[in-house]
Amino acid sequence: MQHKYFRVRERFVQAQELEQCQMKSLSPW
């Protein structure tokens, strides 16, 4: 159960990082 939660959290973190990258590419600063 804990392992499953960790995997979901990992996926969430990856999605957050991807979102941040998109925001960075959108904004010049």
N, C-alpha and C. Protein backbone atom coordinates (compact mmCIF):
# COMPACT_ATOMS: atom_id res chain seq x y z
N MET A 1 0.84 -1.20 0.00
CA MET A 1 0.00 0.00 0.00
C MET A 1 0.88 1.25 0.00
N GLN A 2 1.91 1.23 0.83
CA GLN A 2 2.81 2.39 0.91
C GLN A 2 3.55 2.57 -0.41
N HIS A 3 3.95 1.45 -1.01
CA HIS A 3 4.69 1.50 -2.27
C HIS A 3 3.82 2.13 -3.37
N LYS A 4 2.53 1.74 -3.36
CA LYS A 4 1.60 2.28 -4.36
C LYS A 4 1.49 3.79 -4.18
N TYR A 5 1.38 4.22 -2.94
CA TYR A 5 1.26 5.65 -2.66
C TYR A 5 2.51 6.39 -3.13
N PHE A 6 3.66 5.76 -2.94
CA PHE A 6 4.93 6.38 -3.35
C PHE A 6 4.96 6.56 -4.86
N ARG A 7 4.45 5.56 -5.57
CA ARG A 7 4.45 5.63 -7.05
C ARG A 7 3.54 6.76 -7.51
N VAL A 8 2.38 6.88 -6.87
CA VAL A 8 1.44 7.95 -7.24
C VAL A 8 2.07 9.30 -6.96
N ARG A 9 2.76 9.39 -5.82
CA ARG A 9 3.40 10.66 -5.45
C ARG A 9 4.51 10.99 -6.45
N GLU A 10 5.24 9.98 -6.88
CA GLU A 10 6.33 10.19 -7.84
C GLU A 10 5.75 10.74 -9.15
N ARG A 11 4.64 10.16 -9.57
CA ARG A 11 4.01 10.60 -10.82
C ARG A 11 3.52 12.05 -10.67
N PHE A 12 2.99 12.36 -9.49
CA PHE A 12 2.51 13.73 -9.24
C PHE A 12 3.65 14.72 -9.28
N VAL A 13 4.78 14.34 -8.70
CA VAL A 13 5.96 15.22 -8.70
C VAL A 13 6.44 15.44 -10.13
N GLN A 14 6.44 14.38 -10.93
CA GLN A 14 6.87 14.50 -12.33
C GLN A 14 5.96 15.46 -13.08
N ALA A 15 4.66 15.35 -12.83
CA ALA A 15 3.69 16.22 -13.50
C ALA A 15 3.93 17.67 -13.09
N GLN A 16 4.24 17.89 -11.80
CA GLN A 16 4.50 19.23 -11.31
C GLN A 16 5.73 19.81 -12.00
N GLU A 17 6.77 19.01 -12.11
CA GLU A 17 8.01 19.48 -12.75
C GLU A 17 7.74 19.83 -14.21
N LEU A 18 6.96 19.00 -14.88
CA LEU A 18 6.64 19.25 -16.29
C LEU A 18 5.87 20.56 -16.42
N GLU A 19 4.94 20.80 -15.48
CA GLU A 19 4.15 22.03 -15.51
C GLU A 19 5.07 23.23 -15.32
N GLN A 20 6.02 23.12 -14.40
CA GLN A 20 6.96 24.22 -14.14
C GLN A 20 7.78 24.51 -15.38
N CYS A 21 8.20 23.47 -16.08
CA CYS A 21 9.00 23.64 -17.30
C CYS A 21 8.18 24.38 -18.36
N GLN A 22 6.92 24.02 -18.48
CA GLN A 22 6.05 24.68 -19.46
C GLN A 22 5.88 26.15 -19.09
N MET A 23 5.72 26.45 -17.80
CA MET A 23 5.55 27.83 -17.36
C MET A 23 6.81 28.62 -17.66
N LYS A 24 7.96 28.00 -17.45
CA LYS A 24 9.24 28.68 -17.70
C LYS A 24 9.37 29.01 -19.19
N SER A 25 9.00 28.07 -20.03
CA SER A 25 9.12 28.29 -21.48
C SER A 25 8.13 29.35 -21.94
N LEU A 26 7.01 29.47 -21.23
CA LEU A 26 6.00 30.47 -21.60
C LEU A 26 6.46 31.86 -21.20
N SER A 27 6.98 31.99 -19.98
CA SER A 27 7.42 33.31 -19.50
C SER A 27 8.90 33.53 -19.83
N PRO A 28 9.24 34.70 -20.37
CA PRO A 28 10.64 34.98 -20.75
C PRO A 28 11.57 35.05 -19.55
N TRP A 29 11.05 35.44 -18.42
CA TRP A 29 11.90 35.53 -17.23
C TRP A 29 11.82 34.21 -16.49
